[in-house]
Amino acid sequence: MAYPIILPRQGQSVESCIITEWHKKVGDPVQAGDVLFSYETDKASFEETAKE
């Protein structure tokens, strides 16, 4: 089942982000806490994890 991912705001001055690496492929099993992808803004780099 597909779930939407909404990135939290990274600050008032950040206008965009770039996904730099996907850690999961279509069809891969996902558990809470798994890193889904990495992304960066003009200020820092982050990893987004599965919530459920």
Protein backbone atom coordinates (compact mmCIF):
# COMPACT_ATOMS: atom_id res chain seq x y z
CA MET A 1 0.00 0.00 0.00
CA ALA A 2 1.31 3.47 -0.86
CA TYR A 3 1.50 6.26 1.72
CA PRO A 4 2.11 9.95 0.99
CA ILE A 5 5.23 11.49 2.52
CA ILE A 6 5.03 15.13 3.55
CA LEU A 7 8.34 16.73 4.46
CA PRO A 8 8.32 18.99 7.49
CA ARG A 9 9.28 22.63 6.98
CA GLN A 10 13.01 23.04 7.48
CA GLY A 11 12.83 26.70 8.45
CA GLN A 12 11.25 29.86 7.16
CA SER A 13 14.06 30.69 4.73
CA VAL A 14 14.24 27.24 3.06
CA GLU A 15 12.36 27.30 -0.24
CA SER A 16 13.28 23.93 -1.77
CA CYS A 17 14.95 20.59 -1.16
CA ILE A 18 16.57 17.97 -3.40
CA ILE A 19 16.30 14.21 -2.90
CA THR A 20 19.89 13.01 -3.12
CA GLU A 21 19.47 9.25 -2.61
CA TRP A 22 16.62 6.72 -2.48
CA HIS A 23 17.23 3.98 0.11
CA LYS A 24 14.18 1.87 -0.85
CA LYS A 25 12.96 0.60 -4.20
CA VAL A 26 9.38 0.07 -5.35
CA GLY A 27 8.11 -3.11 -3.71
CA ASP A 28 10.73 -3.22 -0.93
CA PRO A 29 9.29 -4.01 2.51
CA VAL A 30 9.32 -0.99 4.83
CA GLN A 31 9.18 -0.96 8.62
CA ALA A 32 8.87 1.97 11.01
CA GLY A 33 12.25 3.64 11.41
CA ASP A 34 13.66 2.53 8.03
CA VAL A 35 15.43 5.31 6.13
CA LEU A 36 13.45 5.95 2.93
CA PHE A 37 15.57 8.65 1.30
CA SER A 38 18.14 11.37 1.91
CA TYR A 39 17.57 14.99 0.95
CA GLU A 40 19.30 18.32 1.30
CA THR A 41 18.40 21.97 1.50
CA ASP A 42 20.67 24.95 1.01
CA LYS A 43 21.52 24.72 4.73
CA ALA A 44 21.78 21.01 5.72
CA SER A 45 21.28 17.34 4.79
CA PHE A 46 18.59 15.07 6.25
CA GLU A 47 17.25 11.51 6.15
CA GLU A 48 13.53 10.79 6.08
CA THR A 49 12.39 7.68 7.95
CA ALA A 50 9.20 5.66 7.75
CA LYS A 51 6.73 6.60 10.48
CA GLU A 52 4.59 3.43 10.36
